[in-house]
Structures are given as C-alpha cells and as structure tokens.
N, C-alpha and C. Protein backbone atom coordinates (compact mmCIF):
# COMPACT_ATOMS: atom_id res chain seq x y z
N MET A 1 -65.68 -92.14 40.61
CA MET A 1 -65.99 -91.16 39.59
C MET A 1 -66.48 -91.87 38.33
N GLY A 2 -67.56 -91.35 37.72
CA GLY A 2 -68.14 -91.97 36.54
C GLY A 2 -67.35 -91.68 35.27
N ASN A 3 -67.72 -92.34 34.22
CA ASN A 3 -67.08 -92.13 32.93
C ASN A 3 -67.49 -90.78 32.36
N THR A 4 -66.56 -90.15 31.65
CA THR A 4 -66.92 -88.94 30.92
C THR A 4 -67.76 -89.36 29.71
N THR A 5 -68.45 -88.40 29.09
CA THR A 5 -69.25 -88.74 27.92
C THR A 5 -68.38 -89.27 26.78
N LYS A 6 -67.17 -88.74 26.63
CA LYS A 6 -66.27 -89.25 25.61
C LYS A 6 -65.89 -90.71 25.89
N GLU A 7 -65.61 -91.02 27.13
CA GLU A 7 -65.25 -92.40 27.50
C GLU A 7 -66.40 -93.36 27.25
N ILE A 8 -67.61 -92.90 27.50
CA ILE A 8 -68.79 -93.74 27.26
C ILE A 8 -68.87 -94.11 25.78
N ILE A 9 -68.68 -93.12 24.91
CA ILE A 9 -68.75 -93.37 23.46
C ILE A 9 -67.58 -94.24 23.00
N GLU A 10 -66.39 -94.01 23.54
CA GLU A 10 -65.25 -94.86 23.19
C GLU A 10 -65.54 -96.32 23.55
N LYS A 11 -66.13 -96.55 24.71
CA LYS A 11 -66.49 -97.92 25.12
C LYS A 11 -67.58 -98.50 24.22
N LEU A 12 -68.55 -97.66 23.83
CA LEU A 12 -69.62 -98.12 22.95
C LEU A 12 -69.04 -98.70 21.66
N TYR A 13 -68.11 -97.98 21.05
CA TYR A 13 -67.49 -98.46 19.81
C TYR A 13 -66.57 -99.65 20.07
N ASN A 14 -65.68 -99.53 21.05
CA ASN A 14 -64.68 -100.56 21.28
C ASN A 14 -65.30 -101.88 21.72
N LEU A 15 -66.17 -101.85 22.69
CA LEU A 15 -66.73 -103.09 23.23
C LEU A 15 -67.88 -103.64 22.38
N ILE A 16 -68.85 -102.79 22.05
CA ILE A 16 -70.06 -103.28 21.39
C ILE A 16 -69.87 -103.42 19.88
N TRP A 17 -69.47 -102.36 19.22
CA TRP A 17 -69.41 -102.38 17.75
C TRP A 17 -68.16 -103.09 17.22
N ASN A 18 -67.01 -102.94 17.87
CA ASN A 18 -65.80 -103.57 17.35
C ASN A 18 -65.61 -105.01 17.85
N LYS A 19 -66.00 -105.28 19.08
CA LYS A 19 -65.73 -106.60 19.66
C LYS A 19 -66.98 -107.44 19.87
N GLU A 20 -68.16 -106.87 19.62
CA GLU A 20 -69.44 -107.56 19.77
C GLU A 20 -69.64 -108.11 21.19
N ILE A 21 -69.22 -107.35 22.17
CA ILE A 21 -69.45 -107.72 23.57
C ILE A 21 -70.80 -107.10 23.97
N LEU A 22 -71.86 -107.83 23.67
CA LEU A 22 -73.21 -107.29 23.84
C LEU A 22 -73.62 -107.10 25.29
N GLU A 23 -72.91 -107.75 26.21
CA GLU A 23 -73.19 -107.53 27.64
C GLU A 23 -72.96 -106.07 28.02
N ALA A 24 -72.09 -105.38 27.28
CA ALA A 24 -71.79 -103.98 27.57
C ALA A 24 -72.97 -103.06 27.27
N VAL A 25 -73.94 -103.53 26.48
CA VAL A 25 -75.13 -102.73 26.20
C VAL A 25 -75.83 -102.36 27.50
N GLU A 26 -75.85 -103.28 28.44
CA GLU A 26 -76.54 -103.05 29.71
C GLU A 26 -76.00 -101.83 30.45
N SER A 27 -74.69 -101.62 30.43
CA SER A 27 -74.10 -100.52 31.18
C SER A 27 -73.83 -99.27 30.35
N LEU A 28 -74.05 -99.34 29.03
CA LEU A 28 -73.73 -98.20 28.17
C LEU A 28 -74.93 -97.59 27.44
N VAL A 29 -75.95 -98.39 27.17
CA VAL A 29 -77.07 -97.94 26.34
C VAL A 29 -78.32 -97.78 27.19
N ALA A 30 -79.04 -96.67 26.97
CA ALA A 30 -80.27 -96.39 27.71
C ALA A 30 -81.37 -97.39 27.33
N PRO A 31 -82.35 -97.59 28.24
CA PRO A 31 -83.46 -98.51 27.94
C PRO A 31 -84.27 -98.08 26.71
N ALA A 32 -84.28 -96.79 26.41
CA ALA A 32 -84.93 -96.26 25.20
C ALA A 32 -83.88 -95.49 24.41
N TYR A 33 -83.46 -96.04 23.27
CA TYR A 33 -82.42 -95.45 22.42
C TYR A 33 -83.10 -94.99 21.13
N THR A 34 -83.10 -93.68 20.90
CA THR A 34 -83.79 -93.12 19.74
C THR A 34 -82.82 -92.80 18.61
N ILE A 35 -83.12 -93.31 17.42
CA ILE A 35 -82.35 -92.98 16.23
C ILE A 35 -83.08 -91.78 15.61
N HIS A 36 -82.64 -90.60 16.01
CA HIS A 36 -83.31 -89.36 15.61
C HIS A 36 -83.24 -89.14 14.11
N SER A 37 -82.07 -89.41 13.52
CA SER A 37 -81.88 -89.25 12.08
C SER A 37 -80.71 -90.11 11.65
N ASP A 38 -80.97 -90.99 10.70
CA ASP A 38 -79.93 -91.85 10.13
C ASP A 38 -80.44 -92.29 8.76
N PRO A 39 -80.51 -91.35 7.80
CA PRO A 39 -81.10 -91.62 6.49
C PRO A 39 -80.51 -92.86 5.82
N GLY A 40 -81.39 -93.74 5.36
CA GLY A 40 -80.96 -94.97 4.71
C GLY A 40 -80.82 -96.14 5.66
N ASP A 41 -80.86 -95.90 6.95
CA ASP A 41 -80.76 -96.96 7.95
C ASP A 41 -82.16 -97.55 8.18
N ALA A 42 -82.25 -98.87 8.26
CA ALA A 42 -83.54 -99.54 8.47
C ALA A 42 -84.21 -99.11 9.77
N TRP A 43 -83.44 -98.64 10.73
CA TRP A 43 -83.98 -98.26 12.04
C TRP A 43 -84.18 -96.75 12.18
N ASP A 44 -84.00 -96.00 11.09
CA ASP A 44 -84.14 -94.54 11.14
C ASP A 44 -85.50 -94.15 11.73
N GLY A 45 -85.46 -93.24 12.71
CA GLY A 45 -86.69 -92.73 13.32
C GLY A 45 -87.28 -93.61 14.41
N GLN A 46 -86.69 -94.75 14.68
CA GLN A 46 -87.23 -95.66 15.68
C GLN A 46 -86.59 -95.46 17.05
N THR A 47 -87.32 -95.86 18.07
CA THR A 47 -86.76 -95.93 19.42
C THR A 47 -86.60 -97.41 19.75
N LEU A 48 -85.37 -97.77 20.09
CA LEU A 48 -85.03 -99.18 20.35
C LEU A 48 -84.92 -99.43 21.84
N ASN A 49 -85.26 -100.66 22.24
CA ASN A 49 -84.94 -101.09 23.59
C ASN A 49 -83.57 -101.78 23.53
N LYS A 50 -83.09 -102.26 24.64
CA LYS A 50 -81.74 -102.85 24.63
C LYS A 50 -81.66 -104.09 23.73
N GLU A 51 -82.74 -104.87 23.69
CA GLU A 51 -82.75 -106.06 22.85
C GLU A 51 -82.70 -105.69 21.36
N SER A 52 -83.51 -104.72 20.95
CA SER A 52 -83.49 -104.34 19.54
C SER A 52 -82.20 -103.59 19.18
N TYR A 53 -81.58 -102.91 20.14
CA TYR A 53 -80.27 -102.30 19.90
C TYR A 53 -79.26 -103.41 19.58
N CYS A 54 -79.28 -104.47 20.35
CA CYS A 54 -78.38 -105.61 20.10
C CYS A 54 -78.65 -106.23 18.74
N GLN A 55 -79.92 -106.33 18.36
CA GLN A 55 -80.26 -106.88 17.04
C GLN A 55 -79.67 -106.03 15.93
N ARG A 56 -79.68 -104.72 16.12
CA ARG A 56 -79.09 -103.80 15.14
C ARG A 56 -77.58 -104.03 15.02
N VAL A 57 -76.91 -104.20 16.15
CA VAL A 57 -75.47 -104.49 16.14
C VAL A 57 -75.22 -105.81 15.42
N LEU A 58 -75.98 -106.84 15.76
CA LEU A 58 -75.77 -108.16 15.17
C LEU A 58 -76.04 -108.16 13.66
N TYR A 59 -76.99 -107.36 13.21
CA TYR A 59 -77.27 -107.23 11.78
C TYR A 59 -76.01 -106.74 11.05
N SER A 60 -75.37 -105.71 11.58
CA SER A 60 -74.15 -105.17 10.97
C SER A 60 -73.00 -106.15 11.08
N ARG A 61 -72.87 -106.78 12.23
CA ARG A 61 -71.75 -107.70 12.45
C ARG A 61 -71.91 -108.99 11.64
N LYS A 62 -73.14 -109.41 11.35
CA LYS A 62 -73.35 -110.58 10.51
C LYS A 62 -72.91 -110.28 9.08
N ALA A 63 -73.23 -109.09 8.60
CA ALA A 63 -72.84 -108.69 7.25
C ALA A 63 -71.32 -108.46 7.15
N PHE A 64 -70.74 -107.93 8.23
CA PHE A 64 -69.30 -107.60 8.27
C PHE A 64 -68.71 -108.14 9.58
N PRO A 65 -68.42 -109.44 9.64
CA PRO A 65 -67.93 -110.04 10.90
C PRO A 65 -66.62 -109.43 11.41
N ASP A 66 -65.82 -108.87 10.50
CA ASP A 66 -64.54 -108.26 10.90
C ASP A 66 -64.63 -106.74 10.97
N LEU A 67 -65.83 -106.20 11.08
CA LEU A 67 -66.06 -104.75 11.10
C LEU A 67 -65.28 -104.09 12.23
N ILE A 68 -64.53 -103.05 11.88
CA ILE A 68 -63.78 -102.28 12.86
C ILE A 68 -64.01 -100.79 12.60
N PHE A 69 -64.42 -100.09 13.66
CA PHE A 69 -64.57 -98.64 13.61
C PHE A 69 -63.32 -98.01 14.22
N THR A 70 -62.86 -96.92 13.60
CA THR A 70 -61.78 -96.12 14.14
C THR A 70 -62.34 -94.73 14.41
N LEU A 71 -62.17 -94.26 15.63
CA LEU A 71 -62.66 -92.94 16.00
C LEU A 71 -61.59 -91.92 15.63
N GLU A 72 -61.91 -91.07 14.66
CA GLU A 72 -60.95 -90.10 14.15
C GLU A 72 -60.93 -88.84 15.02
N LYS A 73 -62.09 -88.34 15.39
CA LYS A 73 -62.24 -87.15 16.24
C LYS A 73 -63.44 -87.34 17.14
N ILE A 74 -63.30 -86.88 18.38
CA ILE A 74 -64.41 -86.90 19.33
C ILE A 74 -64.45 -85.54 20.02
N ILE A 75 -65.62 -84.93 20.00
CA ILE A 75 -65.82 -83.66 20.68
C ILE A 75 -67.04 -83.81 21.57
N ALA A 76 -66.89 -83.49 22.84
CA ALA A 76 -68.00 -83.63 23.78
C ALA A 76 -68.33 -82.28 24.40
N GLU A 77 -69.62 -82.01 24.50
CA GLU A 77 -70.08 -80.81 25.18
C GLU A 77 -71.40 -81.15 25.86
N ASN A 78 -71.40 -80.99 27.17
CA ASN A 78 -72.58 -81.32 27.98
C ASN A 78 -73.02 -82.75 27.69
N ASN A 79 -74.26 -82.94 27.20
CA ASN A 79 -74.76 -84.29 26.99
C ASN A 79 -74.67 -84.74 25.53
N LEU A 80 -73.92 -84.02 24.70
CA LEU A 80 -73.74 -84.40 23.30
C LEU A 80 -72.28 -84.74 23.01
N VAL A 81 -72.09 -85.80 22.21
CA VAL A 81 -70.76 -86.21 21.79
C VAL A 81 -70.77 -86.36 20.28
N ALA A 82 -69.90 -85.61 19.61
CA ALA A 82 -69.77 -85.68 18.15
C ALA A 82 -68.57 -86.55 17.81
N VAL A 83 -68.78 -87.47 16.87
CA VAL A 83 -67.72 -88.40 16.48
C VAL A 83 -67.58 -88.40 14.96
N MET A 84 -66.35 -88.23 14.50
CA MET A 84 -66.00 -88.50 13.11
C MET A 84 -65.30 -89.86 13.13
N TRP A 85 -65.82 -90.80 12.35
CA TRP A 85 -65.29 -92.15 12.40
C TRP A 85 -65.06 -92.70 10.99
N SER A 86 -64.24 -93.73 10.93
CA SER A 86 -64.08 -94.50 9.70
C SER A 86 -64.29 -95.97 10.08
N ALA A 87 -64.65 -96.76 9.09
CA ALA A 87 -64.88 -98.18 9.36
C ALA A 87 -64.46 -98.99 8.14
N GLN A 88 -64.13 -100.24 8.41
CA GLN A 88 -63.82 -101.15 7.32
C GLN A 88 -64.19 -102.56 7.72
N GLY A 89 -64.50 -103.35 6.72
CA GLY A 89 -64.87 -104.73 6.97
C GLY A 89 -65.07 -105.47 5.66
N THR A 90 -65.19 -106.78 5.77
CA THR A 90 -65.38 -107.64 4.61
C THR A 90 -66.84 -108.07 4.55
N HIS A 91 -67.48 -107.84 3.42
CA HIS A 91 -68.91 -108.11 3.24
C HIS A 91 -69.14 -109.62 3.09
N GLN A 92 -69.38 -110.28 4.22
CA GLN A 92 -69.53 -111.73 4.22
C GLN A 92 -70.95 -112.20 4.48
N GLY A 93 -71.86 -111.27 4.76
CA GLY A 93 -73.26 -111.63 4.98
C GLY A 93 -74.16 -110.66 4.25
N ASP A 94 -75.40 -111.08 4.01
CA ASP A 94 -76.34 -110.26 3.25
C ASP A 94 -76.77 -109.02 4.02
N LEU A 95 -76.97 -107.93 3.28
CA LEU A 95 -77.60 -106.71 3.76
C LEU A 95 -78.91 -106.57 2.98
N ARG A 96 -79.79 -105.70 3.44
CA ARG A 96 -81.03 -105.47 2.70
C ARG A 96 -80.73 -105.19 1.23
N GLY A 97 -81.20 -106.07 0.36
CA GLY A 97 -81.05 -105.86 -1.07
C GLY A 97 -79.64 -106.05 -1.61
N LEU A 98 -78.72 -106.56 -0.81
CA LEU A 98 -77.35 -106.72 -1.25
C LEU A 98 -76.78 -108.04 -0.73
N VAL A 99 -76.68 -109.02 -1.64
CA VAL A 99 -76.16 -110.33 -1.29
C VAL A 99 -74.66 -110.22 -1.00
N ALA A 100 -74.19 -111.02 -0.07
CA ALA A 100 -72.77 -111.01 0.32
C ALA A 100 -71.87 -111.09 -0.91
N THR A 101 -70.85 -110.22 -0.94
CA THR A 101 -69.94 -110.15 -2.09
C THR A 101 -68.53 -110.62 -1.78
N GLY A 102 -68.17 -110.68 -0.50
CA GLY A 102 -66.81 -111.03 -0.13
C GLY A 102 -65.84 -109.86 -0.29
N LYS A 103 -66.34 -108.70 -0.68
CA LYS A 103 -65.47 -107.53 -0.91
C LYS A 103 -65.15 -106.81 0.39
N ARG A 104 -63.95 -106.30 0.44
CA ARG A 104 -63.51 -105.47 1.56
C ARG A 104 -63.92 -104.04 1.26
N VAL A 105 -64.59 -103.39 2.20
CA VAL A 105 -65.05 -102.02 1.99
C VAL A 105 -64.57 -101.13 3.13
N ALA A 106 -64.49 -99.84 2.82
CA ALA A 106 -64.14 -98.82 3.82
C ALA A 106 -65.13 -97.68 3.64
N PHE A 107 -65.58 -97.11 4.75
CA PHE A 107 -66.53 -96.01 4.70
C PHE A 107 -66.36 -95.15 5.94
N ASN A 108 -67.00 -93.98 5.91
CA ASN A 108 -66.88 -93.10 7.07
C ASN A 108 -68.19 -92.38 7.31
N GLY A 109 -68.25 -91.74 8.47
CA GLY A 109 -69.46 -91.01 8.82
C GLY A 109 -69.22 -90.10 10.01
N GLN A 110 -70.27 -89.40 10.34
CA GLN A 110 -70.27 -88.52 11.51
C GLN A 110 -71.53 -88.81 12.31
N THR A 111 -71.36 -88.89 13.60
CA THR A 111 -72.48 -89.21 14.47
C THR A 111 -72.47 -88.28 15.68
N PHE A 112 -73.64 -87.77 15.99
CA PHE A 112 -73.85 -87.03 17.24
C PHE A 112 -74.62 -87.96 18.17
N TYR A 113 -74.07 -88.18 19.35
CA TYR A 113 -74.73 -89.03 20.35
C TYR A 113 -75.28 -88.17 21.47
N GLU A 114 -76.38 -88.61 22.01
CA GLU A 114 -77.01 -87.97 23.17
C GLU A 114 -76.79 -88.88 24.37
N ILE A 115 -76.32 -88.30 25.47
CA ILE A 115 -76.08 -89.05 26.71
C ILE A 115 -77.07 -88.54 27.76
N LYS A 116 -77.78 -89.47 28.39
CA LYS A 116 -78.69 -89.12 29.49
C LYS A 116 -78.42 -90.05 30.66
N ASN A 117 -78.21 -89.47 31.82
CA ASN A 117 -77.95 -90.25 33.03
C ASN A 117 -76.81 -91.25 32.84
N GLY A 118 -75.77 -90.85 32.11
CA GLY A 118 -74.60 -91.70 31.93
C GLY A 118 -74.77 -92.82 30.91
N LEU A 119 -75.88 -92.81 30.16
CA LEU A 119 -76.13 -93.84 29.15
C LEU A 119 -76.37 -93.19 27.79
N VAL A 120 -75.98 -93.88 26.73
CA VAL A 120 -76.19 -93.38 25.38
C VAL A 120 -77.67 -93.58 25.04
N SER A 121 -78.35 -92.47 24.73
CA SER A 121 -79.80 -92.55 24.56
C SER A 121 -80.27 -92.29 23.13
N GLY A 122 -79.34 -92.02 22.21
CA GLY A 122 -79.76 -91.83 20.83
C GLY A 122 -78.67 -91.22 19.98
N HIS A 123 -78.96 -91.12 18.67
CA HIS A 123 -77.98 -90.51 17.77
C HIS A 123 -78.63 -89.87 16.55
N TRP A 124 -77.85 -88.99 15.93
CA TRP A 124 -78.09 -88.39 14.62
C TRP A 124 -76.86 -88.76 13.81
N GLN A 125 -77.02 -89.32 12.60
CA GLN A 125 -75.86 -89.83 11.88
C GLN A 125 -75.96 -89.58 10.38
N THR A 126 -74.81 -89.29 9.78
CA THR A 126 -74.70 -89.24 8.32
C THR A 126 -73.55 -90.13 7.89
N ILE A 127 -73.80 -90.87 6.81
CA ILE A 127 -72.81 -91.78 6.23
C ILE A 127 -72.85 -91.57 4.72
N ASP A 128 -71.72 -91.70 4.08
CA ASP A 128 -71.68 -91.64 2.62
C ASP A 128 -72.18 -92.99 2.09
N ARG A 129 -73.50 -93.14 2.06
CA ARG A 129 -74.09 -94.42 1.65
C ARG A 129 -73.87 -94.71 0.16
N LEU A 130 -73.87 -93.69 -0.68
CA LEU A 130 -73.62 -93.90 -2.11
C LEU A 130 -72.19 -94.41 -2.33
N GLY A 131 -71.22 -93.78 -1.67
CA GLY A 131 -69.85 -94.26 -1.76
C GLY A 131 -69.70 -95.67 -1.23
N PHE A 132 -70.43 -95.97 -0.17
CA PHE A 132 -70.43 -97.31 0.43
C PHE A 132 -70.94 -98.34 -0.60
N ILE A 133 -72.11 -98.08 -1.18
CA ILE A 133 -72.72 -99.00 -2.14
C ILE A 133 -71.87 -99.14 -3.41
N ASN A 134 -71.29 -98.03 -3.86
CA ASN A 134 -70.48 -98.09 -5.09
C ASN A 134 -69.28 -99.02 -4.97
N GLN A 135 -68.80 -99.26 -3.75
CA GLN A 135 -67.66 -100.18 -3.58
C GLN A 135 -68.02 -101.61 -3.95
N PHE A 136 -69.29 -101.95 -3.92
CA PHE A 136 -69.72 -103.31 -4.27
C PHE A 136 -69.82 -103.50 -5.77
N ARG A 137 -69.82 -102.41 -6.50
CA ARG A 137 -69.99 -102.46 -7.97
C ARG A 137 -68.66 -102.58 -8.69
N LYS A 138 -67.55 -102.44 -7.99
CA LYS A 138 -66.23 -102.46 -8.63
C LYS A 138 -65.80 -103.89 -8.92
C-alpha cells in the first residue's frame, strides 16, 4: 500500500527540509515541481526539476543550517494537502540582500501542496516575510 498524501508531505518536511536527505527528492518530488504562488520567494512562478528543487533546499539550509520545520496542522483532500507550519533556525549564511547575522529566528506559514501520481508536484505558499525580516533588525 502506498503512502497517503499526508504521509508524503510529512516525509517531505522530515527528510528533505529538516534533515537535508536530498536522496528522498527522487521518491517524493515530481520531475516538474511548480511553485504556483510564493510571493517574495526567488523561485516564485517557476517550474523546477529535481536538481533545481534540491538547489532551493540547499539555499535555505545554507542560510539556516539548523533549520527545523514543525507541522502544526495537516489537512488532506484528494490531491491537495494544506499545512500550517512553524520554523526556526539560526541565520548563519547569506540570503538575497541579507548578510548572515547569527540571529536565531522563528517564522510560520501556510502551504498548499499538490500531489500527482504519489509525488509532490507543486505548492502555493504564504509566509509572514515582513515579520521574518524584522527579526534581523532587533
């Protein structure tokens, strides 16, 4: 029996985003992953292949090597999975326009994932980017 859509998303966060086990991209992420909407994200509106998906993960993990996502709520219906999440990490690497500060930050967001043929094929996401950036100014 295959993974449920909720289990697929739990593995995506646990293995890829929290532990940087990029080999898991092969079994969890579709060959074409579309970022339908993610305002403020450098990849907003793009369709990524598995290699560029890994580059996106590594970009975040380089800036926040101890980045950990916590899944607060997960709701799945058919091929869509909605996730309310929180994250925290220490800013140890540069982000676009923001030199490493060494500050510990916490932020949250909501993401809708699309699952096709048992693979995550894209997302729509909102994050409190202003609240995120303001933590570096304190």
